[in-house]
Amino acid sequence: MASETVEIMTKATPETVWDAIRDVGALHTRLVPGFVVDTRLEPGARIVTFGNGMIVREPIIALDEDRCRLVWSAEGAGLSHYNASVQVFATQGGSRAVWIADFLPDSASAQVQSMMQDGISVLKATMDKTAETS
């Protein structure tokens, strides 16, 4: 099984970053606008439309308020398995967000890594901008 990890540091507080992450229906407005262009909620999941046109269903597995950690899976996009988490940690002067994904097939590594890099870059830009306007 392939695994990818990406992370960023942001000037935004952990509370600010976690508040945006935990708002699972607002990916397209609060967390990664443009990378995600629409998010619709349904019981236990969200339907995510990415900027590249890809649409996936993402069951929400866990929302851990104490650890500031969200876990989800994904159905579609040519993957036979996808499970991911994003967690926020406090740092001096801001926070660190870590996104880890495990998936099959292994041959999807380049595509998944590229999308994760794009997504985490937008997350950083969005959170840095939020920190500047707060």
Protein backbone atom coordinates (compact mmCIF):
# COMPACT_ATOMS: atom_id res chain seq x y z
CA MET A 1 0.00 0.00 0.00
CA ALA A 2 1.35 3.43 -0.93
CA SER A 3 1.54 6.20 1.64
CA GLU A 4 2.17 9.93 1.19
CA THR A 5 2.66 12.65 3.79
CA VAL A 6 2.67 16.41 3.28
CA GLU A 7 2.82 19.16 5.85
CA ILE A 8 2.96 22.92 6.17
CA MET A 9 3.69 25.56 8.74
CA THR A 10 1.34 28.53 8.92
CA LYS A 11 1.13 31.74 10.89
CA ALA A 12 -2.50 30.92 11.76
CA THR A 13 -3.23 29.66 15.25
CA PRO A 14 -4.02 25.97 15.72
CA GLU A 15 -7.55 26.99 16.75
CA THR A 16 -8.06 28.86 13.47
CA VAL A 17 -6.72 26.01 11.33
CA TRP A 18 -8.68 23.36 13.24
CA ASP A 19 -11.88 25.40 13.01
CA ALA A 20 -11.57 25.43 9.21
CA ILE A 21 -10.66 21.72 8.98
CA ARG A 22 -13.46 20.59 11.29
CA ASP A 23 -15.97 22.46 9.11
CA VAL A 24 -16.11 19.45 6.79
CA GLY A 25 -18.68 20.99 4.45
CA ALA A 26 -16.66 24.14 3.76
CA LEU A 27 -13.53 22.85 2.02
CA HIS A 28 -14.28 25.04 -0.98
CA THR A 29 -14.79 28.25 1.01
CA ARG A 30 -12.70 28.09 4.20
CA LEU A 31 -9.83 25.66 3.71
CA VAL A 32 -8.78 25.02 0.10
CA PRO A 33 -10.77 27.33 -2.21
CA GLY A 34 -10.02 26.72 -5.86
CA PHE A 35 -8.39 23.35 -5.18
CA VAL A 36 -11.91 22.27 -4.14
CA VAL A 37 -14.75 24.11 -5.89
CA ASP A 38 -17.75 22.52 -4.18
CA THR A 39 -18.53 20.44 -1.09
CA ARG A 40 -21.93 18.93 -0.39
CA LEU A 41 -22.77 17.14 2.83
CA GLU A 42 -24.76 13.95 3.11
CA PRO A 43 -25.23 11.76 6.20
CA GLY A 44 -21.76 10.60 7.28
CA ALA A 45 -19.93 11.90 4.22
CA ARG A 46 -19.19 14.78 1.92
CA ILE A 47 -19.22 14.93 -1.87
CA VAL A 48 -16.16 16.88 -3.01
CA THR A 49 -15.68 18.48 -6.43
CA PHE A 50 -12.06 19.37 -7.13
CA GLY A 51 -10.86 22.18 -9.35
CA ASN A 52 -9.73 19.61 -11.94
CA GLY A 53 -13.32 18.33 -12.24
CA MET A 54 -12.83 15.13 -10.24
CA ILE A 55 -15.73 14.27 -7.91
CA VAL A 56 -15.31 11.89 -4.97
CA ARG A 57 -17.41 10.79 -2.05
CA GLU A 58 -15.53 11.12 1.23
CA PRO A 59 -16.99 9.26 4.21
CA ILE A 60 -15.98 11.02 7.44
CA ILE A 61 -14.43 8.40 9.74
CA ALA A 62 -13.49 10.47 12.80
CA LEU A 63 -13.49 14.06 13.98
CA ASP A 64 -11.27 14.15 17.07
CA GLU A 65 -11.67 17.49 18.82
CA ASP A 66 -9.07 16.70 21.49
CA ARG A 67 -6.33 15.83 18.99
CA CYS A 68 -7.45 18.31 16.30
CA ARG A 69 -7.52 15.41 13.83
CA LEU A 70 -9.90 14.58 10.99
CA VAL A 71 -9.94 11.13 9.36
CA TRP A 72 -11.75 10.34 6.11
CA SER A 73 -11.76 7.87 3.24
CA ALA A 74 -12.53 8.43 -0.43
CA GLU A 75 -14.55 6.53 -3.00
CA GLY A 76 -13.88 7.04 -6.68
CA ALA A 77 -11.07 8.66 -8.66
CA GLY A 78 -9.74 5.28 -9.77
CA LEU A 79 -8.52 4.31 -6.30
CA SER A 80 -9.46 0.96 -4.79
CA HIS A 81 -8.57 2.22 -1.30
CA TYR A 82 -7.96 5.65 0.22
CA ASN A 83 -7.77 6.58 3.87
CA ALA A 84 -6.38 9.89 5.11
CA SER A 85 -6.00 12.10 8.13
CA VAL A 86 -5.08 15.70 8.73
CA GLN A 87 -3.93 16.87 12.13
CA VAL A 88 -3.04 20.30 13.50
CA PHE A 89 -0.24 20.93 15.99
CA ALA A 90 0.70 24.11 17.82
CA THR A 91 4.08 25.63 16.99
CA GLN A 92 5.81 28.77 18.10
CA GLY A 93 4.27 31.55 16.05
CA GLY A 94 1.50 29.47 14.49
CA SER A 95 0.72 25.87 13.69
CA ARG A 96 1.69 22.84 11.63
CA ALA A 97 -0.78 20.79 9.61
CA VAL A 98 0.12 17.21 8.62
CA TRP A 99 -1.86 15.28 5.99
CA ILE A 100 -1.21 11.54 5.63
CA ALA A 101 -2.85 9.33 3.00
CA ASP A 102 -2.67 5.56 2.46
CA PHE A 103 -4.03 4.27 -0.83
CA LEU A 104 -4.17 1.62 -3.53
CA PRO A 105 -3.10 1.04 -6.20
CA ASP A 106 0.53 1.94 -5.60
CA SER A 107 0.71 3.15 -9.20
CA ALA A 108 -1.42 6.17 -8.24
CA SER A 109 1.42 7.61 -6.13
CA ALA A 110 2.43 10.37 -8.53
CA GLN A 111 -1.18 11.54 -9.00
CA VAL A 112 -2.01 11.44 -5.28
CA GLN A 113 1.25 13.12 -4.28
CA SER A 114 0.69 15.91 -6.82
CA MET A 115 -2.86 16.54 -5.60
CA MET A 116 -1.76 16.50 -1.97
CA GLN A 117 1.02 19.00 -2.67
CA ASP A 118 -1.41 21.27 -4.49
CA GLY A 119 -3.99 20.97 -1.71
CA ILE A 120 -1.60 21.59 1.17
CA SER A 121 -0.14 24.62 -0.65
CA VAL A 122 -3.62 26.14 -0.96
CA LEU A 123 -4.33 25.32 2.68
CA LYS A 124 -1.17 27.18 3.72
CA ALA A 125 -1.97 30.22 1.58
CA THR A 126 -5.55 30.31 2.88
CA MET A 127 -4.55 29.98 6.52
CA ASP A 128 -1.70 32.53 6.20
CA LYS A 129 -4.15 34.99 4.64
CA THR A 130 -6.65 34.32 7.42
CA ALA A 131 -3.93 34.98 10.01
CA GLU A 132 -3.04 38.29 8.37
CA THR A 133 -6.64 39.53 8.42
CA SER A 134 -7.38 38.41 11.99
